[in-house]
N, C-alpha and C. Protein backbone atom coordinates (compact mmCIF):
# COMPACT_ATOMS: atom_id res chain seq x y z
N MET A 1 -1.49 -62.28 2.45
CA MET A 1 -1.81 -61.84 3.79
C MET A 1 -2.87 -62.76 4.38
N PRO A 2 -2.73 -63.05 5.64
CA PRO A 2 -3.74 -63.91 6.25
C PRO A 2 -5.10 -63.23 6.25
N ASP A 3 -6.11 -64.05 6.04
CA ASP A 3 -7.47 -63.51 6.01
C ASP A 3 -7.99 -63.16 7.40
N ASN A 4 -7.31 -63.63 8.46
CA ASN A 4 -7.81 -63.36 9.81
C ASN A 4 -7.41 -61.97 10.30
N GLN A 5 -6.64 -61.20 9.53
CA GLN A 5 -6.31 -59.84 9.93
C GLN A 5 -7.46 -58.91 9.56
N ASN A 6 -7.67 -57.93 10.40
CA ASN A 6 -8.73 -56.97 10.08
C ASN A 6 -8.23 -56.00 9.00
N PRO A 7 -9.12 -55.28 8.37
CA PRO A 7 -8.70 -54.39 7.26
C PRO A 7 -7.70 -53.32 7.66
N MET A 8 -7.77 -52.83 8.88
CA MET A 8 -6.81 -51.80 9.30
C MET A 8 -5.40 -52.37 9.43
N GLN A 9 -5.27 -53.62 9.88
CA GLN A 9 -3.96 -54.25 9.95
C GLN A 9 -3.40 -54.45 8.55
N GLN A 10 -4.24 -54.87 7.62
CA GLN A 10 -3.80 -55.05 6.24
C GLN A 10 -3.40 -53.71 5.63
N PHE A 11 -4.16 -52.66 5.90
CA PHE A 11 -3.85 -51.33 5.40
C PHE A 11 -2.50 -50.85 5.95
N GLY A 12 -2.27 -51.07 7.23
CA GLY A 12 -1.01 -50.67 7.84
C GLY A 12 0.17 -51.39 7.24
N ARG A 13 0.01 -52.66 6.98
CA ARG A 13 1.09 -53.45 6.38
C ARG A 13 1.39 -52.95 4.96
N LEU A 14 0.36 -52.67 4.19
CA LEU A 14 0.57 -52.19 2.82
C LEU A 14 1.16 -50.78 2.81
N MET A 15 0.78 -49.94 3.75
CA MET A 15 1.37 -48.60 3.82
C MET A 15 2.84 -48.69 4.19
N GLY A 16 3.18 -49.64 5.03
CA GLY A 16 4.59 -49.86 5.35
C GLY A 16 5.39 -50.25 4.13
N LEU A 17 4.80 -51.09 3.29
CA LEU A 17 5.48 -51.48 2.05
C LEU A 17 5.62 -50.30 1.10
N ALA A 18 4.65 -49.40 1.10
CA ALA A 18 4.70 -48.24 0.21
C ALA A 18 5.83 -47.30 0.59
N PHE A 19 6.17 -47.21 1.87
CA PHE A 19 7.23 -46.32 2.32
C PHE A 19 8.59 -47.01 2.39
N LEU A 20 8.62 -48.31 2.23
CA LEU A 20 9.85 -49.07 2.41
C LEU A 20 10.93 -48.68 1.40
N LEU A 21 10.62 -48.73 0.13
CA LEU A 21 11.61 -48.46 -0.90
C LEU A 21 12.10 -47.01 -0.88
N PRO A 22 11.23 -46.02 -0.81
CA PRO A 22 11.74 -44.64 -0.75
C PRO A 22 12.60 -44.36 0.49
N CYS A 23 12.23 -44.95 1.62
CA CYS A 23 13.01 -44.72 2.83
C CYS A 23 14.40 -45.36 2.74
N CYS A 24 14.47 -46.56 2.19
CA CYS A 24 15.77 -47.21 2.02
C CYS A 24 16.66 -46.41 1.06
N ALA A 25 16.07 -45.92 -0.02
CA ALA A 25 16.84 -45.12 -0.97
C ALA A 25 17.31 -43.82 -0.32
N LEU A 26 16.46 -43.19 0.47
CA LEU A 26 16.82 -41.95 1.15
C LEU A 26 17.95 -42.17 2.15
N VAL A 27 17.87 -43.24 2.91
CA VAL A 27 18.94 -43.54 3.88
C VAL A 27 20.26 -43.79 3.16
N GLY A 28 20.22 -44.54 2.07
CA GLY A 28 21.44 -44.78 1.29
C GLY A 28 22.02 -43.49 0.75
N TYR A 29 21.15 -42.61 0.26
CA TYR A 29 21.60 -41.32 -0.28
C TYR A 29 22.26 -40.47 0.82
N ILE A 30 21.63 -40.41 1.97
CA ILE A 30 22.15 -39.59 3.06
C ILE A 30 23.50 -40.11 3.53
N ILE A 31 23.62 -41.42 3.69
CA ILE A 31 24.90 -42.00 4.11
C ILE A 31 25.99 -41.68 3.07
N GLY A 32 25.68 -41.89 1.81
CA GLY A 32 26.65 -41.59 0.75
C GLY A 32 27.02 -40.13 0.70
N HIS A 33 26.05 -39.26 0.88
CA HIS A 33 26.31 -37.81 0.86
C HIS A 33 27.28 -37.42 1.97
N TYR A 34 27.04 -37.90 3.18
CA TYR A 34 27.92 -37.55 4.28
C TYR A 34 29.30 -38.18 4.12
N LEU A 35 29.38 -39.37 3.57
CA LEU A 35 30.69 -39.97 3.32
C LEU A 35 31.44 -39.21 2.23
N ASP A 36 30.72 -38.72 1.23
CA ASP A 36 31.36 -37.90 0.20
C ASP A 36 31.95 -36.63 0.81
N LYS A 37 31.20 -36.02 1.71
CA LYS A 37 31.72 -34.81 2.36
C LYS A 37 32.92 -35.13 3.24
N ALA A 38 32.87 -36.25 3.94
CA ALA A 38 33.94 -36.61 4.86
C ALA A 38 35.23 -36.98 4.12
N PHE A 39 35.11 -37.68 3.00
CA PHE A 39 36.29 -38.15 2.28
C PHE A 39 36.60 -37.33 1.04
N HIS A 40 35.83 -36.27 0.78
CA HIS A 40 36.04 -35.38 -0.37
C HIS A 40 36.05 -36.16 -1.68
N THR A 41 35.03 -37.00 -1.85
CA THR A 41 34.86 -37.75 -3.09
C THR A 41 33.55 -37.33 -3.74
N GLY A 42 33.25 -37.91 -4.90
CA GLY A 42 32.02 -37.53 -5.57
C GLY A 42 31.19 -38.70 -6.03
N TYR A 43 31.59 -39.91 -5.68
CA TYR A 43 30.89 -41.08 -6.20
C TYR A 43 30.18 -41.89 -5.12
N LEU A 44 30.47 -41.66 -3.87
CA LEU A 44 29.88 -42.48 -2.81
C LEU A 44 28.37 -42.26 -2.67
N THR A 45 27.89 -41.09 -3.01
CA THR A 45 26.46 -40.84 -2.97
C THR A 45 25.73 -41.78 -3.90
N LEU A 46 26.24 -41.91 -5.11
CA LEU A 46 25.61 -42.81 -6.08
C LEU A 46 25.71 -44.26 -5.65
N VAL A 47 26.88 -44.65 -5.14
CA VAL A 47 27.07 -46.04 -4.71
C VAL A 47 26.10 -46.40 -3.59
N PHE A 48 26.01 -45.56 -2.58
CA PHE A 48 25.14 -45.87 -1.45
C PHE A 48 23.66 -45.70 -1.81
N LEU A 49 23.36 -44.81 -2.75
CA LEU A 49 21.98 -44.72 -3.23
C LEU A 49 21.59 -46.03 -3.89
N LEU A 50 22.47 -46.59 -4.71
CA LEU A 50 22.17 -47.88 -5.36
C LEU A 50 22.07 -49.01 -4.33
N PHE A 51 22.93 -48.98 -3.31
CA PHE A 51 22.83 -49.97 -2.23
C PHE A 51 21.49 -49.85 -1.50
N GLY A 52 21.05 -48.63 -1.25
CA GLY A 52 19.77 -48.41 -0.58
C GLY A 52 18.60 -48.90 -1.42
N ILE A 53 18.64 -48.63 -2.73
CA ILE A 53 17.58 -49.11 -3.61
C ILE A 53 17.56 -50.63 -3.64
N ALA A 54 18.74 -51.24 -3.74
CA ALA A 54 18.82 -52.70 -3.75
C ALA A 54 18.29 -53.28 -2.44
N ALA A 55 18.66 -52.68 -1.32
CA ALA A 55 18.17 -53.15 -0.03
C ALA A 55 16.65 -53.01 0.07
N GLY A 56 16.12 -51.93 -0.47
CA GLY A 56 14.67 -51.74 -0.47
C GLY A 56 13.95 -52.80 -1.28
N PHE A 57 14.49 -53.12 -2.46
CA PHE A 57 13.87 -54.16 -3.27
C PHE A 57 13.96 -55.53 -2.62
N VAL A 58 15.10 -55.83 -2.01
CA VAL A 58 15.24 -57.12 -1.32
C VAL A 58 14.21 -57.24 -0.21
N GLU A 59 14.08 -56.21 0.59
CA GLU A 59 13.11 -56.25 1.69
C GLU A 59 11.68 -56.29 1.17
N LEU A 60 11.41 -55.58 0.08
CA LEU A 60 10.09 -55.61 -0.53
C LEU A 60 9.73 -57.01 -1.01
N PHE A 61 10.68 -57.67 -1.67
CA PHE A 61 10.43 -59.03 -2.13
C PHE A 61 10.25 -60.00 -0.96
N ARG A 62 11.02 -59.80 0.11
CA ARG A 62 10.86 -60.66 1.29
C ARG A 62 9.46 -60.50 1.89
N GLU A 63 9.03 -59.26 2.03
CA GLU A 63 7.70 -59.01 2.60
C GLU A 63 6.59 -59.56 1.72
N MET A 64 6.73 -59.39 0.41
CA MET A 64 5.71 -59.90 -0.49
C MET A 64 5.70 -61.43 -0.50
N ASN A 65 6.86 -62.04 -0.40
CA ASN A 65 6.93 -63.50 -0.35
C ASN A 65 6.31 -64.02 0.96
N ALA A 66 6.58 -63.34 2.07
CA ALA A 66 5.99 -63.75 3.34
C ALA A 66 4.48 -63.55 3.34
N ALA A 67 4.00 -62.51 2.66
CA ALA A 67 2.57 -62.23 2.62
C ALA A 67 1.84 -63.23 1.75
N SER A 68 2.51 -63.78 0.76
CA SER A 68 1.83 -64.72 -0.14
C SER A 68 1.73 -66.11 0.44
N LYS A 69 2.47 -66.40 1.52
CA LYS A 69 2.43 -67.74 2.13
C LYS A 69 1.31 -67.85 3.12
């Protein structure tokens, strides 16, 4: 993180990272759940939950890589 940011900006950025992974997983779970109900299947919840977790990790790594530069 750049040193020219004030502590509140740094705190806000870190809090965003703390909520990033759980929110991505939750969105994936919700999408999979509704698709399971729509198509009467039982596996789409797990598939989309895993997609959400993967998307959360990808975004987390991108943010951490951008912060380290």
